[in-house]
Amino acid sequence: MDLELVPPRGVGSLVIGMPRQEADAALLSLRDPSVMSDSDRPGQHVFRPSGLMISISCTRGLLEAVELGRPSDPSDSVRFRDVDVFGLPAREVVRRMREQTTFLVDEEDPASFVAPDLLLSFWRPFAADDDPDEEQGYYFSSVLLARPGYYDGPGL
């Protein structure tokens, strides 16, 4: 499965601002029915056979954010335009994102980055840009797409 980040709209069938019931159904539609994960929590997150985690967050009955966790194999991909956010090294993702938009180091976590104009944030537990064997620092571990105002405080 190839998922495209389309801020501020959403990811695939998950549309920011959709009612929770529709978001829950859209999340379940992203599962692979032939290989269900025991880790799935309907209404919260699902895991695809590749290891790709898809998580939703709702406030006041509306979808406010979608987080995707890096798959362990490339059968699923997550892209923003021409950038494979989990398939490329984090350093390359940063370079390509900076060609397209403002892309800042997260002030609270220097191993992570935020594209404030796009409401996208990219996280990894630490920076290890030069060691591809250290996957948790070489690649981003997750990306979050949020509603406008998400970083301004609680509520819609």
N, C-alpha and C. Protein backbone atom coordinates (compact mmCIF):
# COMPACT_ATOMS: atom_id res chain seq x y z
N MET A 1 0.84 -1.17 0.00
CA MET A 1 0.00 0.00 0.00
C MET A 1 0.89 1.24 0.00
N ASP A 2 0.54 2.19 -0.83
CA ASP A 2 1.23 3.47 -0.87
C ASP A 2 0.30 4.53 -0.31
N LEU A 3 0.72 5.21 0.73
CA LEU A 3 -0.07 6.28 1.33
C LEU A 3 0.59 7.61 1.05
N GLU A 4 -0.22 8.59 0.69
CA GLU A 4 0.26 9.93 0.37
C GLU A 4 -0.20 10.90 1.46
N LEU A 5 0.77 11.61 2.04
CA LEU A 5 0.45 12.68 2.99
C LEU A 5 -0.02 13.89 2.19
N VAL A 6 -1.22 14.35 2.46
CA VAL A 6 -1.78 15.49 1.73
C VAL A 6 -2.27 16.52 2.75
N PRO A 7 -1.32 17.26 3.34
CA PRO A 7 -1.74 18.25 4.33
C PRO A 7 -2.43 19.44 3.66
N PRO A 8 -3.41 20.02 4.28
CA PRO A 8 -3.99 19.66 5.58
C PRO A 8 -5.14 18.66 5.46
N ARG A 9 -5.37 18.11 4.25
CA ARG A 9 -6.50 17.21 4.00
C ARG A 9 -6.43 15.94 4.84
N GLY A 10 -5.34 15.18 4.73
CA GLY A 10 -5.22 13.94 5.48
C GLY A 10 -4.30 12.95 4.81
N VAL A 11 -4.58 11.67 5.04
CA VAL A 11 -3.78 10.55 4.54
C VAL A 11 -4.75 9.48 4.05
N GLY A 12 -4.70 9.17 2.76
CA GLY A 12 -5.59 8.16 2.22
C GLY A 12 -7.04 8.49 2.54
N SER A 13 -7.76 7.52 3.09
CA SER A 13 -9.18 7.72 3.40
C SER A 13 -9.40 8.44 4.72
N LEU A 14 -8.31 8.75 5.44
CA LEU A 14 -8.42 9.47 6.71
C LEU A 14 -8.35 10.97 6.44
N VAL A 15 -9.47 11.64 6.59
CA VAL A 15 -9.59 13.06 6.27
C VAL A 15 -9.69 13.86 7.56
N ILE A 16 -8.75 14.76 7.77
CA ILE A 16 -8.76 15.60 8.97
C ILE A 16 -10.11 16.32 9.06
N GLY A 17 -10.72 16.26 10.26
CA GLY A 17 -12.01 16.89 10.50
C GLY A 17 -13.20 15.97 10.30
N MET A 18 -12.97 14.75 9.80
CA MET A 18 -14.09 13.82 9.62
C MET A 18 -14.60 13.37 10.98
N PRO A 19 -15.89 13.01 11.06
CA PRO A 19 -16.44 12.51 12.33
C PRO A 19 -15.72 11.23 12.78
N ARG A 20 -15.64 11.08 14.08
CA ARG A 20 -14.92 9.94 14.67
C ARG A 20 -15.40 8.60 14.11
N GLN A 21 -16.69 8.40 13.98
CA GLN A 21 -17.22 7.13 13.48
C GLN A 21 -16.68 6.85 12.07
N GLU A 22 -16.64 7.86 11.22
CA GLU A 22 -16.08 7.69 9.87
C GLU A 22 -14.58 7.45 9.93
N ALA A 23 -13.89 8.13 10.84
CA ALA A 23 -12.45 7.92 11.00
C ALA A 23 -12.14 6.50 11.45
N ASP A 24 -12.96 5.99 12.38
CA ASP A 24 -12.77 4.61 12.85
C ASP A 24 -12.94 3.62 11.69
N ALA A 25 -13.97 3.84 10.86
CA ALA A 25 -14.20 2.96 9.70
C ALA A 25 -13.07 3.08 8.68
N ALA A 26 -12.61 4.31 8.44
CA ALA A 26 -11.51 4.52 7.49
C ALA A 26 -10.23 3.84 7.99
N LEU A 27 -9.98 3.93 9.29
CA LEU A 27 -8.81 3.28 9.87
C LEU A 27 -8.89 1.77 9.68
N LEU A 28 -10.04 1.20 9.97
CA LEU A 28 -10.21 -0.25 9.81
C LEU A 28 -10.05 -0.68 8.35
N SER A 29 -10.43 0.19 7.42
CA SER A 29 -10.31 -0.15 5.99
C SER A 29 -8.85 -0.23 5.54
N LEU A 30 -7.94 0.31 6.35
CA LEU A 30 -6.52 0.28 6.00
C LEU A 30 -5.82 -0.98 6.49
N ARG A 31 -6.53 -1.82 7.24
CA ARG A 31 -5.98 -3.10 7.68
C ARG A 31 -5.90 -4.05 6.50
N ASP A 32 -5.07 -5.05 6.62
CA ASP A 32 -5.04 -6.14 5.65
C ASP A 32 -5.86 -7.26 6.26
N PRO A 33 -7.07 -7.52 5.73
CA PRO A 33 -7.95 -8.51 6.36
C PRO A 33 -7.38 -9.92 6.36
N SER A 34 -6.40 -10.19 5.50
CA SER A 34 -5.84 -11.54 5.46
C SER A 34 -4.78 -11.75 6.54
N VAL A 35 -4.26 -10.65 7.11
CA VAL A 35 -3.22 -10.75 8.14
C VAL A 35 -3.50 -9.71 9.21
N MET A 36 -4.42 -9.98 10.09
CA MET A 36 -4.76 -9.03 11.15
C MET A 36 -3.74 -9.12 12.27
N SER A 37 -3.41 -7.98 12.83
CA SER A 37 -2.44 -7.92 13.92
C SER A 37 -3.15 -7.99 15.27
N ASP A 38 -2.56 -8.74 16.19
CA ASP A 38 -3.09 -8.79 17.55
C ASP A 38 -2.89 -7.45 18.26
N SER A 39 -2.02 -6.60 17.72
CA SER A 39 -1.75 -5.30 18.31
C SER A 39 -2.76 -4.23 17.90
N ASP A 40 -3.62 -4.53 16.92
CA ASP A 40 -4.61 -3.55 16.47
C ASP A 40 -5.53 -3.15 17.62
N ARG A 41 -5.84 -1.88 17.67
CA ARG A 41 -6.80 -1.33 18.62
C ARG A 41 -7.76 -0.45 17.82
N PRO A 42 -8.88 -1.04 17.34
CA PRO A 42 -9.83 -0.26 16.56
C PRO A 42 -10.17 1.06 17.24
N GLY A 43 -10.22 2.11 16.46
CA GLY A 43 -10.47 3.44 16.99
C GLY A 43 -9.21 4.13 17.49
N GLN A 44 -8.10 3.39 17.52
CA GLN A 44 -6.82 3.96 17.95
C GLN A 44 -5.73 3.77 16.90
N HIS A 45 -5.40 2.50 16.63
CA HIS A 45 -4.33 2.23 15.67
C HIS A 45 -4.45 0.83 15.09
N VAL A 46 -3.88 0.68 13.90
CA VAL A 46 -3.78 -0.63 13.27
C VAL A 46 -2.35 -0.81 12.76
N PHE A 47 -1.97 -2.07 12.62
CA PHE A 47 -0.66 -2.41 12.07
C PHE A 47 -0.87 -3.24 10.81
N ARG A 48 -0.18 -2.85 9.75
CA ARG A 48 -0.23 -3.61 8.51
C ARG A 48 0.84 -4.71 8.57
N PRO A 49 0.77 -5.74 7.71
CA PRO A 49 1.76 -6.82 7.74
C PRO A 49 3.20 -6.32 7.60
N SER A 50 3.40 -5.19 6.95
CA SER A 50 4.74 -4.62 6.78
C SER A 50 5.29 -4.06 8.08
N GLY A 51 4.42 -3.89 9.08
CA GLY A 51 4.81 -3.24 10.32
C GLY A 51 4.39 -1.78 10.36
N LEU A 52 3.87 -1.26 9.24
CA LEU A 52 3.39 0.12 9.21
C LEU A 52 2.28 0.28 10.23
N MET A 53 2.46 1.25 11.14
CA MET A 53 1.44 1.56 12.14
C MET A 53 0.70 2.80 11.67
N ILE A 54 -0.63 2.76 11.76
CA ILE A 54 -1.47 3.91 11.42
C ILE A 54 -2.31 4.20 12.65
N SER A 55 -2.17 5.40 13.19
CA SER A 55 -2.85 5.77 14.42
C SER A 55 -3.65 7.04 14.20
N ILE A 56 -4.81 7.11 14.85
CA ILE A 56 -5.64 8.31 14.74
C ILE A 56 -5.85 8.93 16.11
N SER A 57 -6.08 10.24 16.10
CA SER A 57 -6.39 10.97 17.32
C SER A 57 -7.59 11.86 17.03
N CYS A 58 -8.62 11.73 17.87
CA CYS A 58 -9.84 12.52 17.70
C CYS A 58 -10.08 13.35 18.95
N THR A 59 -10.62 14.55 18.74
CA THR A 59 -11.04 15.43 19.82
C THR A 59 -12.41 15.97 19.46
N ARG A 60 -13.28 15.99 20.45
CA ARG A 60 -14.65 16.47 20.25
C ARG A 60 -15.34 15.79 19.09
N GLY A 61 -15.04 14.50 18.94
CA GLY A 61 -15.71 13.70 17.92
C GLY A 61 -15.22 13.87 16.50
N LEU A 62 -14.08 14.57 16.32
CA LEU A 62 -13.54 14.79 14.98
C LEU A 62 -12.08 14.37 14.90
N LEU A 63 -11.68 13.84 13.75
CA LEU A 63 -10.29 13.44 13.53
C LEU A 63 -9.41 14.68 13.50
N GLU A 64 -8.40 14.70 14.39
CA GLU A 64 -7.51 15.86 14.44
C GLU A 64 -6.08 15.54 14.01
N ALA A 65 -5.68 14.28 14.04
CA ALA A 65 -4.31 13.94 13.66
C ALA A 65 -4.23 12.47 13.24
N VAL A 66 -3.28 12.23 12.34
CA VAL A 66 -2.96 10.86 11.90
C VAL A 66 -1.46 10.70 12.05
N GLU A 67 -1.05 9.64 12.72
CA GLU A 67 0.38 9.33 12.87
C GLU A 67 0.66 8.00 12.18
N LEU A 68 1.78 7.96 11.48
CA LEU A 68 2.20 6.73 10.81
C LEU A 68 3.58 6.35 11.31
N GLY A 69 3.75 5.07 11.66
CA GLY A 69 5.02 4.56 12.14
C GLY A 69 5.72 3.76 11.06
N ARG A 70 7.02 3.89 10.99
CA ARG A 70 7.84 3.28 9.94
C ARG A 70 7.62 1.76 9.84
N PRO A 71 7.35 1.28 8.62
CA PRO A 71 7.22 -0.17 8.43
C PRO A 71 8.59 -0.84 8.49
N SER A 72 8.59 -2.13 8.78
CA SER A 72 9.85 -2.87 8.83
C SER A 72 10.24 -3.46 7.48
N ASP A 73 9.30 -3.46 6.52
CA ASP A 73 9.65 -3.86 5.15
C ASP A 73 8.98 -2.89 4.17
N PRO A 74 9.50 -2.80 2.96
CA PRO A 74 9.05 -1.76 2.02
C PRO A 74 7.76 -2.05 1.25
N SER A 75 6.98 -3.04 1.66
CA SER A 75 5.75 -3.33 0.93
C SER A 75 4.70 -2.22 1.11
N ASP A 76 4.85 -1.41 2.14
CA ASP A 76 4.02 -0.22 2.34
C ASP A 76 4.95 0.99 2.33
N SER A 77 4.48 2.07 1.74
CA SER A 77 5.29 3.30 1.75
C SER A 77 4.41 4.48 2.11
N VAL A 78 5.05 5.51 2.64
CA VAL A 78 4.39 6.76 2.98
C VAL A 78 5.18 7.87 2.30
N ARG A 79 4.47 8.68 1.53
CA ARG A 79 5.14 9.74 0.75
C ARG A 79 4.50 11.09 1.01
N PHE A 80 5.33 12.09 0.88
CA PHE A 80 4.88 13.46 0.75
C PHE A 80 5.46 13.94 -0.58
N ARG A 81 4.60 14.11 -1.55
CA ARG A 81 5.00 14.45 -2.92
C ARG A 81 6.02 13.43 -3.40
N ASP A 82 7.26 13.83 -3.66
CA ASP A 82 8.26 12.89 -4.17
C ASP A 82 9.18 12.34 -3.09
N VAL A 83 8.82 12.55 -1.83
CA VAL A 83 9.69 12.15 -0.72
C VAL A 83 9.12 10.91 -0.03
N ASP A 84 9.86 9.80 -0.07
CA ASP A 84 9.50 8.58 0.65
C ASP A 84 9.98 8.77 2.09
N VAL A 85 9.07 9.15 3.00
CA VAL A 85 9.47 9.61 4.32
C VAL A 85 10.09 8.53 5.20
N PHE A 86 9.81 7.26 4.94
CA PHE A 86 10.41 6.19 5.72
C PHE A 86 11.46 5.41 4.93
N GLY A 87 11.44 5.47 3.62
CA GLY A 87 12.38 4.72 2.80
C GLY A 87 13.71 5.42 2.60
N LEU A 88 13.70 6.75 2.74
CA LEU A 88 14.93 7.53 2.58
C LEU A 88 15.56 7.81 3.94
N PRO A 89 16.87 7.95 3.99
CA PRO A 89 17.50 8.35 5.25
C PRO A 89 16.94 9.70 5.71
N ALA A 90 16.84 9.89 7.01
CA ALA A 90 16.29 11.13 7.57
C ALA A 90 17.01 12.36 7.01
N ARG A 91 18.30 12.29 6.86
CA ARG A 91 19.06 13.44 6.33
C ARG A 91 18.56 13.81 4.92
N GLU A 92 18.27 12.80 4.10
CA GLU A 92 17.78 13.05 2.75
C GLU A 92 16.34 13.58 2.78
N VAL A 93 15.52 13.07 3.68
CA VAL A 93 14.16 13.59 3.83
C VAL A 93 14.23 15.08 4.19
N VAL A 94 15.10 15.43 5.13
CA VAL A 94 15.26 16.83 5.54
C VAL A 94 15.67 17.68 4.34
N ARG A 95 16.65 17.22 3.57
CA ARG A 95 17.12 17.98 2.41
C ARG A 95 15.99 18.21 1.41
N ARG A 96 15.26 17.15 1.09
CA ARG A 96 14.18 17.26 0.10
C ARG A 96 13.01 18.09 0.60
N MET A 97 12.69 17.95 1.87
CA MET A 97 11.59 18.74 2.42
C MET A 97 11.96 20.23 2.42
N ARG A 98 13.20 20.54 2.71
CA ARG A 98 13.62 21.95 2.73
C ARG A 98 13.60 22.57 1.34
N GLU A 99 13.63 21.76 0.30
CA GLU A 99 13.49 22.27 -1.07
C GLU A 99 12.05 22.70 -1.34
N GLN A 100 11.10 22.19 -0.56
CA GLN A 100 9.68 22.41 -0.82
C GLN A 100 8.97 23.32 0.17
N THR A 101 9.51 23.41 1.40
CA THR A 101 8.80 24.15 2.44
C THR A 101 9.76 24.48 3.58
N THR A 102 9.30 25.27 4.52
CA THR A 102 10.06 25.51 5.74
C THR A 102 10.07 24.21 6.54
N PHE A 103 11.25 23.78 6.93
CA PHE A 103 11.41 22.50 7.63
C PHE A 103 12.40 22.74 8.75
N LEU A 104 11.91 22.77 9.99
CA LEU A 104 12.69 23.21 11.13
C LEU A 104 13.02 22.08 12.10
N VAL A 105 14.16 22.20 12.76
CA VAL A 105 14.49 21.30 13.85
C VAL A 105 13.50 21.58 14.97
N ASP A 106 12.94 20.53 15.54
CA ASP A 106 12.01 20.66 16.66
C ASP A 106 12.80 21.18 17.85
N GLU A 107 12.37 22.31 18.43
CA GLU A 107 13.09 22.93 19.54
C GLU A 107 13.20 22.01 20.75
N GLU A 108 12.22 21.15 20.96
CA GLU A 108 12.22 20.27 22.12
C GLU A 108 12.94 18.94 21.87
N ASP A 109 13.19 18.61 20.60
CA ASP A 109 13.80 17.33 20.26
C ASP A 109 14.63 17.50 18.99
N PRO A 110 15.93 17.78 19.12
CA PRO A 110 16.75 18.09 17.95
C PRO A 110 16.93 16.95 16.94
N ALA A 111 16.47 15.74 17.25
CA ALA A 111 16.53 14.64 16.29
C ALA A 111 15.28 14.61 15.42
N SER A 112 14.36 15.54 15.67
CA SER A 112 13.08 15.56 14.97
C SER A 112 12.86 16.90 14.29
N PHE A 113 11.91 16.93 13.36
CA PHE A 113 11.70 18.12 12.53
C PHE A 113 10.21 18.39 12.37
N VAL A 114 9.90 19.66 12.09
CA VAL A 114 8.52 20.09 11.88
C VAL A 114 8.46 20.93 10.62
N ALA A 115 7.44 20.67 9.82
CA ALA A 115 7.10 21.53 8.68
C ALA A 115 5.86 22.29 9.10
N PRO A 116 6.01 23.46 9.76
CA PRO A 116 4.87 24.15 10.36
C PRO A 116 3.80 24.57 9.37
N ASP A 117 4.18 24.95 8.17
CA ASP A 117 3.19 25.36 7.17
C ASP A 117 2.34 24.20 6.69
N LEU A 118 2.86 22.98 6.82
CA LEU A 118 2.15 21.78 6.37
C LEU A 118 1.52 20.99 7.51
N LEU A 119 1.81 21.40 8.74
CA LEU A 119 1.33 20.68 9.92
C LEU A 119 1.81 19.23 9.93
N LEU A 120 3.06 19.03 9.50
CA LEU A 120 3.70 17.72 9.52
C LEU A 120 4.83 17.75 10.54
N SER A 121 4.98 16.68 11.29
CA SER A 121 6.15 16.54 12.16
C SER A 121 6.74 15.15 11.96
N PHE A 122 8.06 15.10 11.99
CA PHE A 122 8.82 13.88 11.74
C PHE A 122 9.65 13.59 12.99
N TRP A 123 9.60 12.34 13.47
CA TRP A 123 10.26 11.99 14.72
C TRP A 123 11.17 10.78 14.53
N ARG A 124 12.25 10.81 15.28
CA ARG A 124 13.11 9.64 15.48
C ARG A 124 13.68 9.76 16.88
N PRO A 125 14.03 8.65 17.52
CA PRO A 125 14.43 8.72 18.92
C PRO A 125 15.76 9.43 19.15
N PHE A 126 16.63 9.44 18.16
CA PHE A 126 17.92 10.12 18.26
C PHE A 126 18.50 10.26 16.87
N ALA A 127 19.46 11.14 16.72
CA ALA A 127 20.11 11.35 15.42
C ALA A 127 21.34 10.46 15.32
N ALA A 128 21.39 9.62 14.32
CA ALA A 128 22.56 8.80 14.00
C ALA A 128 22.66 8.78 12.49
N ASP A 129 22.76 9.96 11.91
CA ASP A 129 22.66 10.14 10.47
C ASP A 129 23.67 9.37 9.64
N ASP A 130 24.80 9.04 10.20
CA ASP A 130 25.86 8.44 9.40
C ASP A 130 25.96 6.93 9.50
N ASP A 131 25.08 6.31 10.26
CA ASP A 131 25.17 4.87 10.46
C ASP A 131 23.88 4.17 10.03
N PRO A 132 23.85 3.67 8.77
CA PRO A 132 22.61 3.03 8.30
C PRO A 132 22.23 1.78 9.09
N ASP A 133 23.17 1.18 9.81
CA ASP A 133 22.83 0.02 10.64
C ASP A 133 22.03 0.42 11.87
N GLU A 134 22.08 1.69 12.23
CA GLU A 134 21.31 2.21 13.37
C GLU A 134 20.03 2.82 12.84
N GLU A 135 19.08 1.95 12.43
CA GLU A 135 17.89 2.38 11.72
C GLU A 135 17.06 3.40 12.49
N GLN A 136 17.00 3.31 13.82
CA GLN A 136 16.15 4.22 14.58
C GLN A 136 16.64 5.66 14.52
N GLY A 137 17.87 5.90 14.20
CA GLY A 137 18.37 7.26 14.07
C GLY A 137 18.63 7.64 12.63
N TYR A 138 18.87 6.66 11.79
CA TYR A 138 19.18 6.91 10.38
C TYR A 138 17.93 7.26 9.59
N TYR A 139 16.80 6.66 9.97
CA TYR A 139 15.51 6.91 9.33
C TYR A 139 14.55 7.56 10.34
N PHE A 140 13.57 8.28 9.82
CA PHE A 140 12.51 8.76 10.72
C PHE A 140 11.67 7.56 11.14
N SER A 141 11.22 7.58 12.39
CA SER A 141 10.41 6.50 12.94
C SER A 141 8.92 6.75 12.77
N SER A 142 8.52 8.04 12.75
CA SER A 142 7.11 8.35 12.59
C SER A 142 6.93 9.72 11.97
N VAL A 143 5.75 9.89 11.40
CA VAL A 143 5.34 11.19 10.86
C VAL A 143 3.91 11.43 11.32
N LEU A 144 3.62 12.68 11.68
CA LEU A 144 2.30 13.06 12.15
C LEU A 144 1.77 14.18 11.26
N LEU A 145 0.54 14.02 10.80
CA LEU A 145 -0.17 15.05 10.04
C LEU A 145 -1.34 15.50 10.91
N ALA A 146 -1.47 16.82 11.12
CA ALA A 146 -2.46 17.32 12.07
C ALA A 146 -3.35 18.39 11.46
N ARG A 147 -4.43 18.68 12.17
CA ARG A 147 -5.36 19.73 11.77
C ARG A 147 -4.72 21.10 12.01
N PRO A 148 -5.16 22.13 11.29
CA PRO A 148 -4.72 23.49 11.59
C PRO A 148 -5.06 23.84 13.04
N GLY A 149 -4.12 24.44 13.74
CA GLY A 149 -4.30 24.80 15.14
C GLY A 149 -3.89 23.71 16.11
N TYR A 150 -3.54 22.53 15.63
CA TYR A 150 -3.21 21.38 16.49
C TYR A 150 -2.10 21.73 17.49
N TYR A 151 -1.11 22.47 17.04
CA TYR A 151 0.03 22.79 17.90
C TYR A 151 -0.22 24.04 18.75
N ASP A 152 -1.38 24.68 18.58
CA ASP A 152 -1.69 25.90 19.33
C ASP A 152 -2.29 25.63 20.69
N GLY A 153 -2.75 24.42 20.93
CA GLY A 153 -3.35 24.10 22.23
C GLY A 153 -4.52 23.16 22.06
N PRO A 154 -5.18 22.84 23.16
CA PRO A 154 -6.26 21.84 23.12
C PRO A 154 -7.52 22.35 22.42
N GLY A 155 -8.28 21.38 21.96
CA GLY A 155 -9.60 21.66 21.41
C GLY A 155 -9.62 22.05 19.96
N LEU A 156 -10.79 21.97 19.38
CA LEU A 156 -10.99 22.38 17.98
C LEU A 156 -11.69 23.71 17.93
